[in-house]
Amino acid sequence: MRAVVGLHRRGAGDPAFRYLPDGSLLRAVHTPDGPGTLIITPQGGDFLGRAWGPGSQWLLEQMPGLLGADDDPSSCPVHHPVVGDWLRRARGLRIGRTDRVWEALVPAILEQKVVGVEAFRAWRYLVRRFGEAAPGPVPDVWVPPAQRDWADIPVWDWHRSGIEPVRMRTIRGATQMDVERHADKLTVLRGVGRWTEAEARARAVGDADAVPVGDYHIPSIVGYALIGEKVDDAGMLELLEPYAGHRYRIIRMAERHGVRAERRGHRMSKRDYRAF
């Protein structure tokens, strides 16, 4: 469950996602019917869902998709013994979907060309300040703002979140598009490229073939896991070509089970636009 649904957590302090002491996980979502909170509890080989708020029924009906019930890992081809080993080790790993494109798109834009902690800090600030308290029994959980509300966030609060004008304008511009109906056309938005589109589609519509071209780490992870050496985007696409339809699945398995190269050199530096 954590391998499948944990992908939607944006940092350890995500106000809309929490792991609970009893092994359950919680997500707060702005559904088509309004805000809602979903708690999923594993029970042997089954999962129990409980939900609160106007969006509760929608969340319960969507829960199988979130857990990857519609995904078919068995259809993934095996062209390399390493991939066969990954499939055996990742037997429970499925590509789930949230069916909420906007709530996948905004964090992906926030994460453009920055280290994760910088993006997660901005997400925490904006959700807590402009979201609403999540319904249900768990305190201090927040539902992210609805799409239309992101356009009204003042410039000074974007600055306080640590987001520079480029990403702010990208999110504001995206509020003008019905992204829920046009998840396959996200790159028509100014500031949304292949990386951002892939990150959003993988989470929102369960696209098992989404490839985040332009990622700082993924080409190296895939290359080292499959052929023992780092590659660039072009090399990664060549290695993934035999797995068309499952390229994102291969990436997820490489991230979780692949052997990685030894880290060398400096990490990417954190920036803080709040001080500018």
Protein backbone atom coordinates (compact mmCIF):
# COMPACT_ATOMS: atom_id res chain seq x y z
CA MET A 1 0.00 0.00 0.00
CA ARG A 2 2.78 2.43 0.84
CA ALA A 3 4.62 1.65 -2.39
CA VAL A 4 1.52 2.41 -4.45
CA VAL A 5 -0.20 5.25 -2.58
CA GLY A 6 2.85 6.74 -0.86
CA LEU A 7 3.86 8.20 -4.22
CA HIS A 8 1.28 10.94 -3.59
CA ARG A 9 2.91 12.22 -0.41
CA ARG A 10 4.83 15.46 -0.96
CA GLY A 11 7.45 15.26 1.75
CA ALA A 12 7.27 14.05 5.33
CA GLY A 13 5.28 17.12 6.41
CA ASP A 14 2.63 17.01 3.67
CA PRO A 15 -0.49 18.58 5.28
CA ALA A 16 -2.76 16.50 3.01
CA PHE A 17 -1.16 13.09 3.58
CA ARG A 18 -0.30 11.20 6.73
CA TYR A 19 0.78 7.76 7.87
CA LEU A 20 -1.12 6.83 11.02
CA PRO A 21 0.25 4.81 13.97
CA ASP A 22 -1.98 1.79 13.25
CA GLY A 23 -0.50 1.34 9.75
CA SER A 24 -3.27 3.21 7.95
CA LEU A 25 -2.67 6.10 5.59
CA LEU A 26 -4.71 9.26 5.17
CA ARG A 27 -5.27 11.49 2.15
CA ALA A 28 -7.20 14.76 2.08
CA VAL A 29 -8.52 15.56 -1.40
CA HIS A 30 -10.61 18.22 -3.12
CA THR A 31 -12.93 15.90 -5.06
CA PRO A 32 -15.50 16.84 -7.75
CA ASP A 33 -18.08 16.77 -4.92
CA GLY A 34 -16.05 18.90 -2.50
CA PRO A 35 -13.45 18.27 0.21
CA GLY A 36 -13.02 14.79 1.61
CA THR A 37 -10.72 12.67 3.74
CA LEU A 38 -9.91 9.02 3.03
CA ILE A 39 -8.26 6.62 5.46
CA ILE A 40 -7.13 3.25 4.09
CA THR A 41 -6.34 0.45 6.52
CA PRO A 42 -4.72 -2.84 5.44
CA GLN A 43 -6.50 -5.91 6.82
CA GLY A 44 -4.67 -9.06 5.81
CA GLY A 45 -4.89 -9.13 2.04
CA ASP A 46 -7.75 -6.63 1.94
CA PHE A 47 -8.08 -2.89 2.45
CA LEU A 48 -10.72 -1.06 4.47
CA GLY A 49 -11.61 2.45 3.36
CA ARG A 50 -13.34 5.06 5.53
CA ALA A 51 -14.14 8.56 4.32
CA TRP A 52 -15.56 11.83 5.60
CA GLY A 53 -16.88 15.03 4.08
CA PRO A 54 -18.87 15.94 0.95
CA GLY A 55 -16.38 14.01 -1.18
CA SER A 56 -16.53 10.82 0.91
CA GLN A 57 -18.61 8.75 -1.51
CA TRP A 58 -16.43 9.76 -4.45
CA LEU A 59 -13.28 8.81 -2.54
CA LEU A 60 -14.62 5.38 -1.61
CA GLU A 61 -15.71 4.65 -5.16
CA GLN A 62 -12.32 5.77 -6.49
CA MET A 63 -10.26 3.88 -3.88
CA PRO A 64 -9.71 0.71 -5.97
CA GLY A 65 -8.21 2.85 -8.73
CA LEU A 66 -5.99 4.60 -6.20
CA LEU A 67 -4.68 1.19 -5.09
CA GLY A 68 -4.01 0.13 -8.69
CA ALA A 69 -6.85 -2.34 -9.12
CA ASP A 70 -7.06 -1.54 -12.84
CA ASP A 71 -3.34 -1.92 -13.46
CA ASP A 72 -1.90 -5.08 -14.99
CA PRO A 73 1.77 -5.61 -14.09
CA SER A 74 1.70 -9.11 -15.62
CA SER A 75 1.53 -7.60 -19.10
CA CYS A 76 4.96 -6.03 -18.71
CA PRO A 77 7.46 -7.67 -21.11
CA VAL A 78 10.75 -9.05 -19.83
CA HIS A 79 13.71 -8.31 -22.09
CA HIS A 80 16.35 -8.33 -19.39
CA PRO A 81 16.90 -10.71 -16.45
CA VAL A 82 17.10 -7.73 -14.11
CA VAL A 83 13.56 -6.72 -15.08
CA GLY A 84 12.33 -10.25 -14.42
CA ASP A 85 13.88 -10.07 -10.95
CA TRP A 86 12.28 -6.69 -10.31
CA LEU A 87 8.85 -7.98 -11.29
CA ARG A 88 9.18 -10.85 -8.83
CA ARG A 89 10.34 -8.55 -6.04
CA ALA A 90 7.72 -5.89 -6.83
CA ARG A 91 4.77 -8.26 -7.07
CA GLY A 92 2.50 -5.89 -5.13
CA LEU A 93 3.63 -2.73 -6.93
CA ARG A 94 0.90 -1.29 -9.12
CA ILE A 95 0.45 2.04 -10.84
CA GLY A 96 -2.56 3.60 -9.17
CA ARG A 97 -4.42 6.75 -10.10
CA THR A 98 -6.03 9.58 -8.15
CA ASP A 99 -8.34 10.86 -10.93
CA ARG A 100 -7.49 14.38 -9.72
CA VAL A 101 -5.19 15.95 -12.31
CA TRP A 102 -4.97 19.37 -10.68
CA GLU A 103 -3.72 18.01 -7.35
CA ALA A 104 -0.98 16.15 -9.21
CA LEU A 105 -0.11 19.02 -11.56
CA VAL A 106 0.47 21.76 -8.96
CA PRO A 107 3.09 19.85 -6.92
CA ALA A 108 4.80 18.79 -10.15
CA ILE A 109 5.10 22.46 -11.17
CA LEU A 110 6.40 23.34 -7.71
CA GLU A 111 9.07 20.64 -8.12
CA GLN A 112 10.37 21.95 -11.45
CA LYS A 113 14.18 22.28 -11.43
CA VAL A 114 14.53 22.46 -7.64
CA VAL A 115 15.43 20.04 -4.87
CA GLY A 116 12.53 18.28 -3.20
CA VAL A 117 12.78 20.01 0.17
CA GLU A 118 12.33 23.39 -1.51
CA ALA A 119 9.18 22.29 -3.33
CA PHE A 120 7.78 20.47 -0.28
CA ARG A 121 8.25 23.60 1.85
CA ALA A 122 6.21 25.66 -0.63
CA TRP A 123 3.48 23.00 -0.83
CA ARG A 124 3.17 22.92 2.96
CA TYR A 125 2.89 26.68 3.21
CA LEU A 126 0.35 27.12 0.42
CA VAL A 127 -1.89 24.20 1.43
CA ARG A 128 -1.99 25.25 5.07
CA ARG A 129 -2.63 28.90 4.27
CA PHE A 130 -5.17 28.55 1.45
CA GLY A 131 -6.58 25.06 1.91
CA GLU A 132 -9.26 24.11 4.41
CA ALA A 133 -9.31 21.88 7.45
CA ALA A 134 -10.00 18.32 6.35
CA PRO A 135 -13.18 16.61 7.57
CA GLY A 136 -12.77 13.56 9.75
CA PRO A 137 -11.30 12.48 13.08
CA VAL A 138 -7.62 13.39 12.54
CA PRO A 139 -6.61 16.96 13.47
CA ASP A 140 -4.25 19.27 11.60
CA VAL A 141 -4.91 17.78 8.16
CA TRP A 142 -5.64 20.12 5.25
CA VAL A 143 -7.47 19.77 1.94
CA PRO A 144 -5.54 21.49 -0.90
CA PRO A 145 -7.25 24.52 -2.45
CA ALA A 146 -9.61 24.00 -5.38
CA GLN A 147 -8.20 24.82 -8.82
CA ARG A 148 -9.97 28.17 -9.10
CA ASP A 149 -8.61 29.32 -5.72
CA TRP A 150 -4.96 29.06 -6.76
CA ALA A 151 -5.44 31.98 -9.15
CA ASP A 152 -6.36 34.25 -6.21
CA ILE A 153 -3.25 33.61 -4.11
CA PRO A 154 -1.54 37.00 -3.65
CA VAL A 155 1.93 37.59 -5.04
CA TRP A 156 3.37 38.15 -1.58
CA ASP A 157 2.20 34.74 -0.39
CA TRP A 158 3.84 33.06 -3.36
CA HIS A 159 7.01 34.86 -2.29
CA ARG A 160 6.60 33.75 1.33
CA SER A 161 6.22 30.17 0.13
CA GLY A 162 9.60 30.40 -1.60
CA ILE A 163 8.21 30.21 -5.15
CA GLU A 164 9.69 32.53 -7.76
CA PRO A 165 7.50 34.29 -10.39
CA VAL A 166 8.12 31.71 -13.15
CA ARG A 167 6.47 28.81 -11.34
CA MET A 168 3.82 31.13 -9.91
CA ARG A 169 2.82 32.26 -13.41
CA THR A 170 2.76 28.65 -14.63
CA ILE A 171 0.30 27.62 -11.91
CA ARG A 172 -1.83 30.72 -12.37
CA GLY A 173 -1.96 30.15 -16.11
CA ALA A 174 -2.92 26.52 -15.64
CA THR A 175 -6.00 27.53 -13.63
CA GLN A 176 -7.57 28.67 -16.93
CA MET A 177 -7.59 25.14 -18.40
CA ASP A 178 -9.94 22.26 -17.58
CA VAL A 179 -7.05 19.94 -16.78
CA GLU A 180 -9.33 17.20 -15.48
CA ARG A 181 -10.75 16.71 -18.98
CA HIS A 182 -7.51 17.35 -20.86
CA ALA A 183 -4.83 15.42 -19.02
CA ASP A 184 -3.34 14.44 -22.39
CA LYS A 185 -2.81 18.07 -23.41
CA LEU A 186 -0.98 19.53 -20.42
CA THR A 187 2.04 20.58 -22.46
CA VAL A 188 -0.03 23.22 -24.24
CA LEU A 189 0.18 25.15 -20.98
CA ARG A 190 3.01 27.64 -20.84
CA GLY A 191 5.71 26.37 -18.49
CA VAL A 192 4.54 22.73 -18.57
CA GLY A 193 6.91 20.42 -20.41
CA ARG A 194 7.31 16.68 -20.80
CA TRP A 195 8.71 16.18 -17.29
CA THR A 196 5.84 17.97 -15.56
CA GLU A 197 3.23 16.29 -17.74
CA ALA A 198 4.67 12.83 -17.03
CA GLU A 199 4.83 13.42 -13.28
CA ALA A 200 1.20 14.55 -13.23
CA ARG A 201 -0.14 11.85 -15.55
CA ALA A 202 1.60 9.02 -13.71
CA ARG A 203 -0.17 9.97 -10.50
CA ALA A 204 -3.51 11.29 -11.74
CA VAL A 205 -4.42 8.86 -14.54
CA GLY A 206 -2.13 5.94 -13.68
CA ASP A 207 -0.11 6.25 -16.89
CA ALA A 208 2.25 3.28 -16.72
CA ASP A 209 4.12 4.59 -19.76
CA ALA A 210 4.82 8.16 -18.56
CA VAL A 211 8.53 9.04 -18.85
CA PRO A 212 9.69 12.18 -16.99
CA VAL A 213 12.25 13.32 -19.55
CA GLY A 214 14.53 15.98 -18.09
CA ASP A 215 14.74 14.54 -14.58
CA TYR A 216 17.98 15.16 -12.72
CA HIS A 217 18.31 11.61 -11.36
CA ILE A 218 16.13 9.14 -13.28
CA PRO A 219 18.29 8.61 -16.41
CA SER A 220 21.24 7.67 -14.22
CA ILE A 221 19.12 5.37 -12.06
CA VAL A 222 17.72 3.54 -15.10
CA GLY A 223 21.05 3.33 -16.90
CA TYR A 224 23.02 2.07 -13.94
CA ALA A 225 20.30 -0.45 -13.02
CA LEU A 226 20.01 -1.92 -16.52
CA ILE A 227 23.51 -1.67 -18.01
CA GLY A 228 25.71 -0.65 -15.11
CA GLU A 229 26.47 2.87 -16.32
CA LYS A 230 24.88 6.28 -16.27
CA VAL A 231 23.07 7.55 -19.36
CA ASP A 232 21.39 10.76 -20.46
CA ASP A 233 17.76 11.22 -21.50
CA ALA A 234 18.39 9.86 -24.99
CA GLY A 235 20.12 6.80 -23.58
CA MET A 236 17.32 6.24 -21.10
CA LEU A 237 14.66 6.41 -23.82
CA GLU A 238 16.63 3.88 -25.87
CA LEU A 239 16.88 1.49 -22.93
CA LEU A 240 13.16 1.85 -22.17
CA GLU A 241 11.97 1.49 -25.76
CA PRO A 242 11.43 -2.32 -25.54
CA TYR A 243 9.10 -1.67 -22.60
CA ALA A 244 6.73 0.72 -24.37
CA GLY A 245 3.48 0.84 -22.43
CA HIS A 246 5.32 0.08 -19.19
CA ARG A 247 8.18 2.56 -19.16
CA TYR A 248 7.05 4.31 -15.99
CA ARG A 249 6.68 0.93 -14.30
CA ILE A 250 10.29 0.13 -15.18
CA ILE A 251 11.36 3.49 -13.73
CA ARG A 252 9.47 2.85 -10.48
CA MET A 253 10.99 -0.61 -10.10
CA ALA A 254 14.48 0.75 -10.85
CA GLU A 255 14.00 3.40 -8.17
CA ARG A 256 12.87 0.85 -5.60
CA HIS A 257 14.94 -2.22 -6.46
CA GLY A 258 17.72 -1.19 -8.84
CA VAL A 259 21.38 -1.01 -7.87
CA ARG A 260 22.50 2.61 -7.84
CA ALA A 261 25.83 4.19 -8.61
CA GLU A 262 27.86 5.50 -5.71
CA ARG A 263 27.12 9.15 -5.03
CA ARG A 264 29.93 11.52 -5.93
CA GLY A 265 30.26 15.27 -5.81
CA HIS A 266 28.02 17.90 -4.28
CA ARG A 267 24.26 17.66 -3.96
CA MET A 268 22.06 20.23 -5.67
CA SER A 269 21.93 23.37 -3.55
CA LYS A 270 18.76 24.59 -1.88
CA ARG A 271 17.55 28.04 -2.87
CA ASP A 272 15.40 30.33 -0.77
CA TYR A 273 13.62 32.98 -2.81
CA ARG A 274 12.06 34.32 0.39
CA ALA A 275 15.33 36.12 1.09
CA PHE A 276 15.40 37.88 -2.31
